Amino acid sequence: MKNIKFVVKVNRGGAHVPQYVLRMDRLPIQTTTNRKLALVMGRLTAEDAVKSMQNSHCTPELVSVRVSA
C-alpha cells in the first residue's frame, strides 16, 4: 500500500537549483538541495511550513511523494 506524503520545495529568487525543507524545528527553516534528505511530512504539517515561509523572500510549494507503507 502506498501513502502520499509531502515535501516543501523552495524556490529562492536567483537560485537555479530547487531546495527542499530539511528541518523545521528552528527559525529560519533549514533547506537542502538533495530531495532524498528532505523532510517527508503529512499535508497539514507541510501546509504549516508553507505558511510560515510565505513572508520570506522565497516561494514555497507543496510536492507530493508516494511512500510505501
PDB file of N, CA and C in Angstrom:
ATOM      1  N   MET A   1       0.842  -1.175   0.000  1.00  0.00           N
ATOM      2  CA  MET A   1       0.000   0.000   0.000  1.00  0.00           C
ATOM      3  C   MET A   1       0.890   1.243   0.000  1.00  0.00           C
ATOM      4  N   LYS A   2       0.501   2.220  -0.786  1.00  0.00           N
ATOM      5  CA  LYS A   2       1.281   3.441  -0.889  1.00  0.00           C
ATOM      6  C   LYS A   2       0.521   4.597  -0.270  1.00  0.00           C
ATOM      7  N   ASN A   3       1.236   5.392   0.504  1.00  0.00           N
ATOM      8  CA  ASN A   3       0.679   6.602   1.093  1.00  0.00           C
ATOM      9  C   ASN A   3       1.254   7.803   0.360  1.00  0.00           C
ATOM     10  N   ILE A   4       0.517   8.892   0.377  1.00  0.00           N
ATOM     11  CA  ILE A   4       1.015  10.122  -0.222  1.00  0.00           C
ATOM     12  C   ILE A   4       1.464  11.043   0.895  1.00  0.00           C
ATOM     13  N   LYS A   5       2.730  11.426   0.848  1.00  0.00           N
ATOM     14  CA  LYS A   5       3.321  12.374   1.783  1.00  0.00           C
ATOM     15  C   LYS A   5       3.733  13.600   0.988  1.00  0.00           C
ATOM     16  N   PHE A   6       4.229  14.606   1.681  1.00  0.00           N
ATOM     17  CA  PHE A   6       4.570  15.855   1.017  1.00  0.00           C
ATOM     18  C   PHE A   6       5.941  16.343   1.448  1.00  0.00           C
ATOM     19  N   VAL A   7       6.618  16.999   0.523  1.00  0.00           N
ATOM     20  CA  VAL A   7       7.827  17.751   0.828  1.00  0.00           C
ATOM     21  C   VAL A   7       7.546  19.186   0.390  1.00  0.00           C
ATOM     22  N   VAL A   8       8.265  20.114   0.973  1.00  0.00           N
ATOM     23  CA  VAL A   8       8.095  21.519   0.624  1.00  0.00           C
ATOM     24  C   VAL A   8       9.287  21.937  -0.227  1.00  0.00           C
ATOM     25  N   LYS A   9       9.004  22.300  -1.468  1.00  0.00           N
ATOM     26  CA  LYS A   9      10.018  22.765  -2.411  1.00  0.00           C
ATOM     27  C   LYS A   9      10.106  24.281  -2.306  1.00  0.00           C
ATOM     28  N   VAL A  10      11.320  24.794  -2.206  1.00  0.00           N
ATOM     29  CA  VAL A  10      11.538  26.226  -2.012  1.00  0.00           C
ATOM     30  C   VAL A  10      12.309  26.776  -3.208  1.00  0.00           C
ATOM     31  N   ASN A  11      11.744  27.785  -3.855  1.00  0.00           N
ATOM     32  CA  ASN A  11      12.437  28.478  -4.941  1.00  0.00           C
ATOM     33  C   ASN A  11      12.850  29.850  -4.433  1.00  0.00           C
ATOM     34  N   ARG A  12      14.147  30.060  -4.350  1.00  0.00           N
ATOM     35  CA  ARG A  12      14.657  31.369  -3.939  1.00  0.00           C
ATOM     36  C   ARG A  12      14.877  32.192  -5.197  1.00  0.00           C
ATOM     37  N   GLY A  13      14.762  33.477  -5.088  1.00  0.00           N
ATOM     38  CA  GLY A  13      14.808  34.398  -6.210  1.00  0.00           C
ATOM     39  C   GLY A  13      15.750  34.055  -7.349  1.00  0.00           C
ATOM     40  N   GLY A  14      17.056  34.054  -7.143  1.00  0.00           N
ATOM     41  CA  GLY A  14      18.004  33.868  -8.226  1.00  0.00           C
ATOM     42  C   GLY A  14      18.585  32.469  -8.333  1.00  0.00           C
ATOM     43  N   ALA A  15      18.276  31.595  -7.413  1.00  0.00           N
ATOM     44  CA  ALA A  15      18.870  30.259  -7.418  1.00  0.00           C
ATOM     45  C   ALA A  15      18.229  29.395  -8.501  1.00  0.00           C
ATOM     46  N   HIS A  16      19.063  28.661  -9.226  1.00  0.00           N
ATOM     47  CA  HIS A  16      18.561  27.786 -10.283  1.00  0.00           C
ATOM     48  C   HIS A  16      18.236  26.389  -9.762  1.00  0.00           C
ATOM     49  N   VAL A  17      18.829  26.016  -8.652  1.00  0.00           N
ATOM     50  CA  VAL A  17      18.631  24.686  -8.082  1.00  0.00           C
ATOM     51  C   VAL A  17      17.524  24.752  -7.038  1.00  0.00           C
ATOM     52  N   PRO A  18      16.492  23.919  -7.173  1.00  0.00           N
ATOM     53  CA  PRO A  18      15.432  23.940  -6.152  1.00  0.00           C
ATOM     54  C   PRO A  18      15.951  23.378  -4.832  1.00  0.00           C
ATOM     55  N   GLN A  19      15.416  23.897  -3.739  1.00  0.00           N
ATOM     56  CA  GLN A  19      15.777  23.422  -2.412  1.00  0.00           C
ATOM     57  C   GLN A  19      14.533  22.861  -1.747  1.00  0.00           C
ATOM     58  N   TYR A  20      14.740  21.972  -0.795  1.00  0.00           N
ATOM     59  CA  TYR A  20      13.652  21.325  -0.072  1.00  0.00           C
ATOM     60  C   TYR A  20      13.860  21.525   1.426  1.00  0.00           C
ATOM     61  N   VAL A  21      12.776  21.520   2.188  1.00  0.00           N
ATOM     62  CA  VAL A  21      12.862  21.709   3.636  1.00  0.00           C
ATOM     63  C   VAL A  21      13.536  20.500   4.269  1.00  0.00           C
ATOM     64  N   LEU A  22      14.592  20.756   5.028  1.00  0.00           N
ATOM     65  CA  LEU A  22      15.341  19.706   5.709  1.00  0.00           C
ATOM     66  C   LEU A  22      14.907  19.582   7.164  1.00  0.00           C
ATOM     67  N   ARG A  23      14.806  20.711   7.854  1.00  0.00           N
ATOM     68  CA  ARG A  23      14.377  20.732   9.255  1.00  0.00           C
ATOM     69  C   ARG A  23      13.494  21.935   9.492  1.00  0.00           C
ATOM     70  N   MET A  24      12.518  21.775  10.403  1.00  0.00           N
ATOM     71  CA  MET A  24      11.606  22.865  10.705  1.00  0.00           C
ATOM     72  C   MET A  24      11.663  23.294  12.159  1.00  0.00           C
ATOM     73  N   ASP A  25      12.513  22.683  12.969  1.00  0.00           N
ATOM     74  CA  ASP A  25      12.492  22.963  14.397  1.00  0.00           C
ATOM     75  C   ASP A  25      13.139  24.284  14.771  1.00  0.00           C
ATOM     76  N   ARG A  26      13.851  24.928  13.851  1.00  0.00           N
ATOM     77  CA  ARG A  26      14.486  26.208  14.127  1.00  0.00           C
ATOM     78  C   ARG A  26      14.050  27.248  13.101  1.00  0.00           C
ATOM     79  N   LEU A  27      14.190  28.496  13.480  1.00  0.00           N
ATOM     80  CA  LEU A  27      13.962  29.571  12.522  1.00  0.00           C
ATOM     81  C   LEU A  27      15.300  30.172  12.173  1.00  0.00           C
ATOM     82  N   PRO A  28      15.686  30.398  10.985  1.00  0.00           N
ATOM     83  CA  PRO A  28      14.943  30.073   9.777  1.00  0.00           C
ATOM     84  C   PRO A  28      14.950  28.566   9.507  1.00  0.00           C
ATOM     85  N   ILE A  29      13.995  28.126   8.735  1.00  0.00           N
ATOM     86  CA  ILE A  29      13.872  26.706   8.393  1.00  0.00           C
ATOM     87  C   ILE A  29      15.070  26.300   7.544  1.00  0.00           C
ATOM     88  N   GLN A  30      15.679  25.162   7.866  1.00  0.00           N
ATOM     89  CA  GLN A  30      16.850  24.697   7.128  1.00  0.00           C
ATOM     90  C   GLN A  30      16.412  23.985   5.853  1.00  0.00           C
ATOM     91  N   THR A  31      17.164  24.206   4.771  1.00  0.00           N
ATOM     92  CA  THR A  31      16.831  23.592   3.492  1.00  0.00           C
ATOM     93  C   THR A  31      18.008  22.792   2.956  1.00  0.00           C
ATOM     94  N   THR A  32      17.753  21.919   1.982  1.00  0.00           N
ATOM     95  CA  THR A  32      18.774  21.120   1.317  1.00  0.00           C
ATOM     96  C   THR A  32      18.436  21.023  -0.167  1.00  0.00           C
ATOM     97  N   THR A  33      19.437  20.776  -0.993  1.00  0.00           N
ATOM     98  CA  THR A  33      19.186  20.581  -2.417  1.00  0.00           C
ATOM     99  C   THR A  33      18.941  19.117  -2.750  1.00  0.00           C
ATOM    100  N   ASN A  34      19.206  18.224  -1.806  1.00  0.00           N
ATOM    101  CA  ASN A  34      19.018  16.788  -2.013  1.00  0.00           C
ATOM    102  C   ASN A  34      17.589  16.400  -1.629  1.00  0.00           C
ATOM    103  N   ARG A  35      16.794  16.007  -2.603  1.00  0.00           N
ATOM    104  CA  ARG A  35      15.390  15.671  -2.342  1.00  0.00           C
ATOM    105  C   ARG A  35      15.249  14.452  -1.431  1.00  0.00           C
ATOM    106  N   LYS A  36      16.196  13.518  -1.497  1.00  0.00           N
ATOM    107  CA  LYS A  36      16.127  12.321  -0.660  1.00  0.00           C
ATOM    108  C   LYS A  36      16.321  12.645   0.816  1.00  0.00           C
ATOM    109  N   LEU A  37      17.002  13.746   1.121  1.00  0.00           N
ATOM    110  CA  LEU A  37      17.204  14.162   2.506  1.00  0.00           C
ATOM    111  C   LEU A  37      16.073  15.057   3.016  1.00  0.00           C
ATOM    112  N   ALA A  38      15.182  15.438   2.134  1.00  0.00           N
ATOM    113  CA  ALA A  38      14.104  16.360   2.506  1.00  0.00           C
ATOM    114  C   ALA A  38      13.167  15.717   3.514  1.00  0.00           C
ATOM    115  N   LEU A  39      12.588  16.565   4.327  1.00  0.00           N
ATOM    116  CA  LEU A  39      11.650  16.117   5.344  1.00  0.00           C
ATOM    117  C   LEU A  39      10.343  15.697   4.686  1.00  0.00           C
ATOM    118  N   VAL A  40       9.965  14.435   4.832  1.00  0.00           N
ATOM    119  CA  VAL A  40       8.702  13.923   4.302  1.00  0.00           C
ATOM    120  C   VAL A  40       7.678  14.035   5.416  1.00  0.00           C
ATOM    121  N   MET A  41       6.583  14.742   5.157  1.00  0.00           N
ATOM    122  CA  MET A  41       5.617  15.029   6.211  1.00  0.00           C
ATOM    123  C   MET A  41       4.197  14.920   5.698  1.00  0.00           C
ATOM    124  N   GLY A  42       3.268  14.962   6.605  1.00  0.00           N
ATOM    125  CA  GLY A  42       1.858  14.958   6.247  1.00  0.00           C
ATOM    126  C   GLY A  42       1.428  16.294   5.669  1.00  0.00           C
ATOM    127  N   ARG A  43       0.246  16.324   5.086  1.00  0.00           N
ATOM    128  CA  ARG A  43      -0.225  17.527   4.408  1.00  0.00           C
ATOM    129  C   ARG A  43      -0.369  18.718   5.358  1.00  0.00           C
ATOM    130  N   LEU A  44      -0.928  18.493   6.552  1.00  0.00           N
ATOM    131  CA  LEU A  44      -1.141  19.611   7.475  1.00  0.00           C
ATOM    132  C   LEU A  44       0.178  20.220   7.935  1.00  0.00           C
ATOM    133  N   THR A  45       1.163  19.395   8.222  1.00  0.00           N
ATOM    134  CA  THR A  45       2.470  19.899   8.641  1.00  0.00           C
ATOM    135  C   THR A  45       3.149  20.644   7.493  1.00  0.00           C
ATOM    136  N   ALA A  46       3.041  20.121   6.294  1.00  0.00           N
ATOM    137  CA  ALA A  46       3.640  20.773   5.126  1.00  0.00           C
ATOM    138  C   ALA A  46       2.969  22.116   4.856  1.00  0.00           C
ATOM    139  N   GLU A  47       1.657  22.176   5.015  1.00  0.00           N
ATOM    140  CA  GLU A  47       0.957  23.445   4.819  1.00  0.00           C
ATOM    141  C   GLU A  47       1.384  24.476   5.860  1.00  0.00           C
ATOM    142  N   ASP A  48       1.626  24.033   7.088  1.00  0.00           N
ATOM    143  CA  ASP A  48       2.121  24.944   8.127  1.00  0.00           C
ATOM    144  C   ASP A  48       3.506  25.486   7.762  1.00  0.00           C
ATOM    145  N   ALA A  49       4.369  24.636   7.203  1.00  0.00           N
ATOM    146  CA  ALA A  49       5.697  25.088   6.784  1.00  0.00           C
ATOM    147  C   ALA A  49       5.582  26.112   5.663  1.00  0.00           C
ATOM    148  N   VAL A  50       4.677  25.879   4.725  1.00  0.00           N
ATOM    149  CA  VAL A  50       4.479  26.825   3.621  1.00  0.00           C
ATOM    150  C   VAL A  50       3.981  28.159   4.149  1.00  0.00           C
ATOM    151  N   LYS A  51       3.035  28.135   5.070  1.00  0.00           N
ATOM    152  CA  LYS A  51       2.501  29.379   5.638  1.00  0.00           C
ATOM    153  C   LYS A  51       3.580  30.164   6.376  1.00  0.00           C
ATOM    154  N   SER A  52       4.454  29.472   7.092  1.00  0.00           N
ATOM    155  CA  SER A  52       5.487  30.169   7.846  1.00  0.00           C
ATOM    156  C   SER A  52       6.561  30.763   6.931  1.00  0.00           C
ATOM    157  N   MET A  53       6.706  30.229   5.726  1.00  0.00           N
ATOM    158  CA  MET A  53       7.725  30.713   4.802  1.00  0.00           C
ATOM    159  C   MET A  53       7.203  31.743   3.802  1.00  0.00           C
ATOM    160  N   GLN A  54       5.923  32.001   3.762  1.00  0.00           N
ATOM    161  CA  GLN A  54       5.366  32.889   2.751  1.00  0.00           C
ATOM    162  C   GLN A  54       5.822  34.335   2.905  1.00  0.00           C
ATOM    163  N   ASN A  55       6.170  34.758   4.079  1.00  0.00           N
ATOM    164  CA  ASN A  55       6.602  36.138   4.289  1.00  0.00           C
ATOM    165  C   ASN A  55       8.072  36.363   3.948  1.00  0.00           C
ATOM    166  N   SER A  56       8.808  35.305   3.661  1.00  0.00           N
ATOM    167  CA  SER A  56      10.222  35.442   3.346  1.00  0.00           C
ATOM    168  C   SER A  56      10.406  35.728   1.852  1.00  0.00           C
ATOM    169  N   HIS A  57      11.656  35.761   1.412  1.00  0.00           N
ATOM    170  CA  HIS A  57      11.978  36.100   0.024  1.00  0.00           C
ATOM    171  C   HIS A  57      11.989  34.885  -0.892  1.00  0.00           C
ATOM    172  N   CYS A  58      11.285  33.837  -0.543  1.00  0.00           N
ATOM    173  CA  CYS A  58      11.267  32.638  -1.358  1.00  0.00           C
ATOM    174  C   CYS A  58       9.827  32.227  -1.653  1.00  0.00           C
ATOM    175  N   THR A  59       9.681  31.324  -2.607  1.00  0.00           N
ATOM    176  CA  THR A  59       8.358  30.842  -2.992  1.00  0.00           C
ATOM    177  C   THR A  59       8.248  29.361  -2.633  1.00  0.00           C
ATOM    178  N   PRO A  60       7.525  29.021  -1.547  1.00  0.00           N
ATOM    179  CA  PRO A  60       7.367  27.614  -1.178  1.00  0.00           C
ATOM    180  C   PRO A  60       6.249  26.953  -1.979  1.00  0.00           C
ATOM    181  N   GLU A  61       6.366  25.643  -2.182  1.00  0.00           N
ATOM    182  CA  GLU A  61       5.374  24.898  -2.947  1.00  0.00           C
ATOM    183  C   GLU A  61       5.317  23.472  -2.421  1.00  0.00           C
ATOM    184  N   LEU A  62       4.121  22.898  -2.336  1.00  0.00           N
ATOM    185  CA  LEU A  62       3.956  21.519  -1.888  1.00  0.00           C
ATOM    186  C   LEU A  62       4.220  20.574  -3.056  1.00  0.00           C
ATOM    187  N   VAL A  63       4.979  19.497  -2.806  1.00  0.00           N
ATOM    188  CA  VAL A  63       5.241  18.473  -3.805  1.00  0.00           C
ATOM    189  C   VAL A  63       4.840  17.138  -3.205  1.00  0.00           C
ATOM    190  N   SER A  64       3.969  16.402  -3.880  1.00  0.00           N
ATOM    191  CA  SER A  64       3.520  15.111  -3.349  1.00  0.00           C
ATOM    192  C   SER A  64       4.526  14.020  -3.697  1.00  0.00           C
ATOM    193  N   VAL A  65       4.695  13.075  -2.768  1.00  0.00           N
ATOM    194  CA  VAL A  65       5.633  11.968  -2.920  1.00  0.00           C
ATOM    195  C   VAL A  65       4.914  10.706  -2.482  1.00  0.00           C
ATOM    196  N   ARG A  66       5.018   9.631  -3.268  1.00  0.00           N
ATOM    197  CA  ARG A  66       4.415   8.353  -2.862  1.00  0.00           C
ATOM    198  C   ARG A  66       5.419   7.584  -2.026  1.00  0.00           C
ATOM    199  N   VAL A  67       4.953   7.134  -0.861  1.00  0.00           N
ATOM    200  CA  VAL A  67       5.803   6.409   0.078  1.00  0.00           C
ATOM    201  C   VAL A  67       5.141   5.076   0.365  1.00  0.00           C
ATOM    202  N   SER A  68       5.911   3.978   0.272  1.00  0.00           N
ATOM    203  CA  SER A  68       5.323   2.679   0.592  1.00  0.00           C
ATOM    204  C   SER A  68       5.214   2.518   2.092  1.00  0.00           C
ATOM    205  N   ALA A  69       4.071   1.997   2.522  1.00  0.00           N
ATOM    206  CA  ALA A  69       3.769   1.884   3.950  1.00  0.00           C
ATOM    207  C   ALA A  69       4.329   0.637   4.559  1.00  0.00           C
TER     208      ALA A  69
END
